[in-house]
Amino acid sequence: MSRIGKSPVVIPEKTDVVLHADHVVVKGPKGELKVDIDPSFVTVAQEENQLVFTPTGETKEHKSRHGLYRSLVNNAVEGVNEGFKKQLLVKGVGYRFKIQGQKIELNLGYSHPIHFEAPAGVTITANPDNNQVIDITGLDKQLVGQVAADIREFRKPEPYKGKGVRYIDEQIAMKAGKSVG
């Protein structure tokens, strides 16, 4: 059995979980998420205020899916209660962004601005404390992370001056420039 899959998912108050044959629906104060589950690999049972996951076989695939489905449902429970947030730092001379609703316009040193529209379920805002930071929030952990990765991909941080778009807690290994010799 998977070590992650063994631990049950605790359902907090104000959260409703509905089990179906091939998916789990989680409703909370912030919204609703649906997680698809393959019943040939794992079964889900609700015991009081916990969800217990049991693999249906002993193969390596069953064990890995056991932990995967438990993590996906746990992320859904956490998302509908607290939500997820990623922060990106836009650093560089002349690098800036402008947010209009769900669209963001990025000026990242190219000859043209880059336009990006956030998918449904994800909110992009400017951080009120720092005008170089983009806040990306939403219920779905995977979707929030993917939007952050897509925006970062437009101009990855470079190792000489650190210019570009990076995660707020990301450390860039700086290189020394050319030396006069």
C-alpha atoms as a PDB file:
ATOM      1  CA  MET A   1       0.000   0.000   0.000  1.00  0.00           C
ATOM      2  CA  SER A   2       1.021   3.583  -0.583  1.00  0.00           C
ATOM      3  CA  ARG A   3       2.231   5.487   2.473  1.00  0.00           C
ATOM      4  CA  ILE A   4       0.327   8.580   1.365  1.00  0.00           C
ATOM      5  CA  GLY A   5      -2.770   6.557   0.513  1.00  0.00           C
ATOM      6  CA  LYS A   6      -2.906   4.979   3.976  1.00  0.00           C
ATOM      7  CA  SER A   7      -3.663   8.247   5.750  1.00  0.00           C
ATOM      8  CA  PRO A   8      -7.327   9.270   5.586  1.00  0.00           C
ATOM      9  CA  VAL A   9      -8.557  12.615   4.259  1.00  0.00           C
ATOM     10  CA  VAL A  10     -10.167  14.610   7.069  1.00  0.00           C
ATOM     11  CA  ILE A  11     -13.333  16.432   5.999  1.00  0.00           C
ATOM     12  CA  PRO A  12     -13.644  19.775   7.815  1.00  0.00           C
ATOM     13  CA  GLU A  13     -16.916  21.331   8.913  1.00  0.00           C
ATOM     14  CA  LYS A  14     -18.878  23.233   6.242  1.00  0.00           C
ATOM     15  CA  THR A  15     -17.612  20.756   3.637  1.00  0.00           C
ATOM     16  CA  ASP A  16     -19.847  18.229   1.886  1.00  0.00           C
ATOM     17  CA  VAL A  17     -18.453  15.196   0.081  1.00  0.00           C
ATOM     18  CA  VAL A  18     -20.581  13.121  -2.302  1.00  0.00           C
ATOM     19  CA  LEU A  19     -19.168   9.764  -3.415  1.00  0.00           C
ATOM     20  CA  HIS A  20     -20.081   8.318  -6.817  1.00  0.00           C
ATOM     21  CA  ALA A  21     -18.821   5.206  -8.571  1.00  0.00           C
ATOM     22  CA  ASP A  22     -16.219   7.008 -10.703  1.00  0.00           C
ATOM     23  CA  HIS A  23     -15.815  10.443  -9.086  1.00  0.00           C
ATOM     24  CA  VAL A  24     -15.937  12.408  -5.847  1.00  0.00           C
ATOM     25  CA  VAL A  25     -17.664  15.797  -5.582  1.00  0.00           C
ATOM     26  CA  VAL A  26     -16.397  18.159  -2.870  1.00  0.00           C
ATOM     27  CA  LYS A  27     -18.423  21.267  -1.932  1.00  0.00           C
ATOM     28  CA  GLY A  28     -17.112  23.894   0.444  1.00  0.00           C
ATOM     29  CA  PRO A  29     -17.378  27.559   1.360  1.00  0.00           C
ATOM     30  CA  LYS A  30     -15.334  28.698  -1.663  1.00  0.00           C
ATOM     31  CA  GLY A  31     -16.883  26.460  -4.328  1.00  0.00           C
ATOM     32  CA  GLU A  32     -17.172  22.955  -5.719  1.00  0.00           C
ATOM     33  CA  LEU A  33     -14.653  20.555  -7.300  1.00  0.00           C
ATOM     34  CA  LYS A  34     -15.039  17.146  -8.937  1.00  0.00           C
ATOM     35  CA  VAL A  35     -12.249  14.547  -8.847  1.00  0.00           C
ATOM     36  CA  ASP A  36     -12.410  11.590 -11.257  1.00  0.00           C
ATOM     37  CA  ILE A  37     -11.418   8.226  -9.768  1.00  0.00           C
ATOM     38  CA  ASP A  38     -10.907   4.927 -11.575  1.00  0.00           C
ATOM     39  CA  PRO A  39     -12.820   2.337  -9.484  1.00  0.00           C
ATOM     40  CA  SER A  40     -10.725  -0.510 -10.888  1.00  0.00           C
ATOM     41  CA  PHE A  41      -7.719   0.784  -8.908  1.00  0.00           C
ATOM     42  CA  VAL A  42      -9.129   2.195  -5.665  1.00  0.00           C
ATOM     43  CA  THR A  43     -12.323   2.288  -3.618  1.00  0.00           C
ATOM     44  CA  VAL A  44     -13.362   5.260  -1.498  1.00  0.00           C
ATOM     45  CA  ALA A  45     -15.413   4.985   1.691  1.00  0.00           C
ATOM     46  CA  GLN A  46     -16.623   7.663   4.073  1.00  0.00           C
ATOM     47  CA  GLU A  47     -16.242   6.912   7.770  1.00  0.00           C
ATOM     48  CA  GLU A  48     -17.674   9.711   9.946  1.00  0.00           C
ATOM     49  CA  ASN A  49     -15.694  12.834   8.954  1.00  0.00           C
ATOM     50  CA  GLN A  50     -12.949  11.010   7.017  1.00  0.00           C
ATOM     51  CA  LEU A  51     -12.457   9.522   3.570  1.00  0.00           C
ATOM     52  CA  VAL A  52     -10.585   6.202   3.481  1.00  0.00           C
ATOM     53  CA  PHE A  53      -8.940   4.939   0.289  1.00  0.00           C
ATOM     54  CA  THR A  54      -8.342   1.231  -0.312  1.00  0.00           C
ATOM     55  CA  PRO A  55      -6.501  -0.226  -3.312  1.00  0.00           C
ATOM     56  CA  THR A  56      -8.308  -3.009  -5.173  1.00  0.00           C
ATOM     57  CA  GLY A  57      -5.091  -4.887  -5.994  1.00  0.00           C
ATOM     58  CA  GLU A  58      -1.457  -5.262  -5.009  1.00  0.00           C
ATOM     59  CA  THR A  59       0.326  -4.349  -8.251  1.00  0.00           C
ATOM     60  CA  LYS A  60       2.663  -1.376  -8.530  1.00  0.00           C
ATOM     61  CA  GLU A  61       0.031   0.490 -10.565  1.00  0.00           C
ATOM     62  CA  HIS A  62      -2.606  -0.057  -7.858  1.00  0.00           C
ATOM     63  CA  LYS A  63      -0.243   1.208  -5.158  1.00  0.00           C
ATOM     64  CA  SER A  64       0.717   4.331  -7.083  1.00  0.00           C
ATOM     65  CA  ARG A  65      -2.885   5.192  -7.985  1.00  0.00           C
ATOM     66  CA  HIS A  66      -3.839   4.656  -4.335  1.00  0.00           C
ATOM     67  CA  GLY A  67      -1.626   7.563  -3.250  1.00  0.00           C
ATOM     68  CA  LEU A  68      -2.470   9.657  -6.312  1.00  0.00           C
ATOM     69  CA  TYR A  69      -6.236   9.590  -5.800  1.00  0.00           C
ATOM     70  CA  ARG A  70      -5.877  10.292  -2.085  1.00  0.00           C
ATOM     71  CA  SER A  71      -3.708  13.344  -2.861  1.00  0.00           C
ATOM     72  CA  LEU A  72      -6.103  14.623  -5.532  1.00  0.00           C
ATOM     73  CA  VAL A  73      -9.104  14.415  -3.198  1.00  0.00           C
ATOM     74  CA  ASN A  74      -7.120  15.987  -0.349  1.00  0.00           C
ATOM     75  CA  ASN A  75      -6.153  18.889  -2.644  1.00  0.00           C
ATOM     76  CA  ALA A  76      -9.820  19.314  -3.622  1.00  0.00           C
ATOM     77  CA  VAL A  77     -10.879  19.440   0.049  1.00  0.00           C
ATOM     78  CA  GLU A  78      -8.150  21.973   0.816  1.00  0.00           C
ATOM     79  CA  GLY A  79      -9.016  24.010  -2.287  1.00  0.00           C
ATOM     80  CA  VAL A  80     -12.725  24.420  -1.543  1.00  0.00           C
ATOM     81  CA  ASN A  81     -11.923  25.477   2.042  1.00  0.00           C
ATOM     82  CA  GLU A  82      -8.826  27.667   1.731  1.00  0.00           C
ATOM     83  CA  GLY A  83      -7.912  27.895  -1.966  1.00  0.00           C
ATOM     84  CA  PHE A  84      -4.430  27.936  -3.479  1.00  0.00           C
ATOM     85  CA  LYS A  85      -2.142  30.850  -4.289  1.00  0.00           C
ATOM     86  CA  LYS A  86       1.016  31.277  -6.365  1.00  0.00           C
ATOM     87  CA  GLN A  87       2.996  34.498  -6.620  1.00  0.00           C
ATOM     88  CA  LEU A  88       5.210  35.542  -9.527  1.00  0.00           C
ATOM     89  CA  LEU A  89       7.842  38.292  -9.422  1.00  0.00           C
ATOM     90  CA  VAL A  90       8.375  40.328 -12.609  1.00  0.00           C
ATOM     91  CA  LYS A  91      11.928  41.679 -12.382  1.00  0.00           C
ATOM     92  CA  GLY A  92      13.844  43.703 -14.939  1.00  0.00           C
ATOM     93  CA  VAL A  93      14.256  47.206 -16.321  1.00  0.00           C
ATOM     94  CA  GLY A  94      11.100  48.054 -18.271  1.00  0.00           C
ATOM     95  CA  TYR A  95       9.418  44.743 -17.373  1.00  0.00           C
ATOM     96  CA  ARG A  96       5.851  45.370 -16.235  1.00  0.00           C
ATOM     97  CA  PHE A  97       2.348  44.020 -16.402  1.00  0.00           C
ATOM     98  CA  LYS A  98      -1.165  45.409 -16.579  1.00  0.00           C
ATOM     99  CA  ILE A  99      -4.236  43.471 -15.458  1.00  0.00           C
ATOM    100  CA  GLN A 100      -7.675  44.095 -16.975  1.00  0.00           C
ATOM    101  CA  GLY A 101     -10.258  41.696 -15.568  1.00  0.00           C
ATOM    102  CA  GLN A 102      -9.099  38.161 -16.360  1.00  0.00           C
ATOM    103  CA  LYS A 103      -6.548  39.317 -18.964  1.00  0.00           C
ATOM    104  CA  ILE A 104      -2.971  40.282 -18.266  1.00  0.00           C
ATOM    105  CA  GLU A 105      -0.695  42.247 -20.592  1.00  0.00           C
ATOM    106  CA  LEU A 106       3.016  41.629 -20.032  1.00  0.00           C
ATOM    107  CA  ASN A 107       5.859  43.813 -21.314  1.00  0.00           C
ATOM    108  CA  LEU A 108       8.926  41.607 -20.947  1.00  0.00           C
ATOM    109  CA  GLY A 109      11.520  43.173 -23.217  1.00  0.00           C
ATOM    110  CA  TYR A 110      10.126  41.840 -26.483  1.00  0.00           C
ATOM    111  CA  SER A 111       9.127  44.117 -29.381  1.00  0.00           C
ATOM    112  CA  HIS A 112       5.465  43.414 -28.590  1.00  0.00           C
ATOM    113  CA  PRO A 113       3.354  42.985 -25.448  1.00  0.00           C
ATOM    114  CA  ILE A 114       2.209  39.493 -24.495  1.00  0.00           C
ATOM    115  CA  HIS A 115      -1.500  38.981 -23.788  1.00  0.00           C
ATOM    116  CA  PHE A 116      -2.621  36.121 -21.550  1.00  0.00           C
ATOM    117  CA  GLU A 117      -6.166  35.273 -20.487  1.00  0.00           C
ATOM    118  CA  ALA A 118      -6.692  33.280 -17.299  1.00  0.00           C
ATOM    119  CA  PRO A 119      -8.965  30.231 -17.592  1.00  0.00           C
ATOM    120  CA  ALA A 120     -12.207  30.000 -15.635  1.00  0.00           C
ATOM    121  CA  GLY A 121     -11.617  29.246 -11.961  1.00  0.00           C
ATOM    122  CA  VAL A 122      -8.357  31.211 -11.715  1.00  0.00           C
ATOM    123  CA  THR A 123      -8.047  34.845 -10.630  1.00  0.00           C
ATOM    124  CA  ILE A 124      -5.043  37.000 -11.500  1.00  0.00           C
ATOM    125  CA  THR A 125      -4.481  40.147  -9.455  1.00  0.00           C
ATOM    126  CA  ALA A 126      -1.672  42.589  -8.751  1.00  0.00           C
ATOM    127  CA  ASN A 127      -0.229  42.374  -5.256  1.00  0.00           C
ATOM    128  CA  PRO A 128      -1.183  45.536  -3.329  1.00  0.00           C
ATOM    129  CA  ASP A 129       2.081  45.491  -1.330  1.00  0.00           C
ATOM    130  CA  ASN A 130       4.495  45.111  -4.261  1.00  0.00           C
ATOM    131  CA  ASN A 131       3.808  46.363  -7.794  1.00  0.00           C
ATOM    132  CA  GLN A 132       6.152  43.753  -9.296  1.00  0.00           C
ATOM    133  CA  VAL A 133       4.247  40.736  -7.930  1.00  0.00           C
ATOM    134  CA  ILE A 134       1.389  38.890  -9.646  1.00  0.00           C
ATOM    135  CA  ASP A 135      -0.989  36.896  -7.398  1.00  0.00           C
ATOM    136  CA  ILE A 136      -2.640  33.826  -8.963  1.00  0.00           C
ATOM    137  CA  THR A 137      -5.417  32.256  -6.885  1.00  0.00           C
ATOM    138  CA  GLY A 138      -8.007  29.536  -7.375  1.00  0.00           C
ATOM    139  CA  LEU A 139      -9.591  26.364  -6.034  1.00  0.00           C
ATOM    140  CA  ASP A 140      -7.815  23.831  -8.258  1.00  0.00           C
ATOM    141  CA  LYS A 141      -4.161  23.344  -7.255  1.00  0.00           C
ATOM    142  CA  GLN A 142      -3.165  21.923 -10.636  1.00  0.00           C
ATOM    143  CA  LEU A 143      -4.800  24.742 -12.589  1.00  0.00           C
ATOM    144  CA  VAL A 144      -3.251  27.492 -10.435  1.00  0.00           C
ATOM    145  CA  GLY A 145       0.185  25.922 -10.833  1.00  0.00           C
ATOM    146  CA  GLN A 146      -0.245  25.513 -14.586  1.00  0.00           C
ATOM    147  CA  VAL A 147      -1.271  29.161 -15.080  1.00  0.00           C
ATOM    148  CA  ALA A 148       1.751  30.291 -13.041  1.00  0.00           C
ATOM    149  CA  ALA A 149       4.037  28.046 -15.093  1.00  0.00           C
ATOM    150  CA  ASP A 150       2.558  29.337 -18.369  1.00  0.00           C
ATOM    151  CA  ILE A 151       3.153  32.976 -17.384  1.00  0.00           C
ATOM    152  CA  ARG A 152       6.681  32.182 -16.162  1.00  0.00           C
ATOM    153  CA  GLU A 153       7.418  30.499 -19.494  1.00  0.00           C
ATOM    154  CA  PHE A 154       7.070  33.825 -21.376  1.00  0.00           C
ATOM    155  CA  ARG A 155      10.405  35.047 -19.953  1.00  0.00           C
ATOM    156  CA  LYS A 156      12.271  32.675 -17.658  1.00  0.00           C
ATOM    157  CA  PRO A 157      14.756  34.279 -15.270  1.00  0.00           C
ATOM    158  CA  GLU A 158      18.246  34.539 -16.707  1.00  0.00           C
ATOM    159  CA  PRO A 159      21.307  33.694 -14.582  1.00  0.00           C
ATOM    160  CA  TYR A 160      23.399  36.867 -15.062  1.00  0.00           C
ATOM    161  CA  LYS A 161      21.154  39.675 -13.807  1.00  0.00           C
ATOM    162  CA  GLY A 162      18.121  37.687 -12.642  1.00  0.00           C
ATOM    163  CA  LYS A 163      15.757  39.421 -15.079  1.00  0.00           C
ATOM    164  CA  GLY A 164      12.537  37.674 -16.031  1.00  0.00           C
ATOM    165  CA  VAL A 165       9.458  36.156 -14.418  1.00  0.00           C
ATOM    166  CA  ARG A 166      10.028  33.847 -11.462  1.00  0.00           C
ATOM    167  CA  TYR A 167       8.201  32.427  -8.471  1.00  0.00           C
ATOM    168  CA  ILE A 168       8.420  34.668  -5.417  1.00  0.00           C
ATOM    169  CA  ASP A 169      10.373  32.056  -3.411  1.00  0.00           C
ATOM    170  CA  GLU A 170      12.513  30.797  -6.320  1.00  0.00           C
ATOM    171  CA  GLN A 171      16.290  31.074  -5.931  1.00  0.00           C
ATOM    172  CA  ILE A 172      18.264  31.809  -9.108  1.00  0.00           C
ATOM    173  CA  ALA A 173      21.827  30.489  -9.267  1.00  0.00           C
ATOM    174  CA  MET A 174      23.641  33.616 -10.427  1.00  0.00           C
ATOM    175  CA  LYS A 175      26.654  33.318 -12.732  1.00  0.00           C
ATOM    176  CA  ALA A 176      29.581  35.683 -12.972  1.00  0.00           C
ATOM    177  CA  GLY A 177      29.730  37.766 -16.140  1.00  0.00           C
ATOM    178  CA  LYS A 178      32.715  38.146 -18.431  1.00  0.00           C
ATOM    179  CA  SER A 179      35.849  39.217 -16.650  1.00  0.00           C
ATOM    180  CA  VAL A 180      38.422  41.572 -18.130  1.00  0.00           C
ATOM    181  CA  GLY A 181      41.714  39.788 -18.213  1.00  0.00           C
END
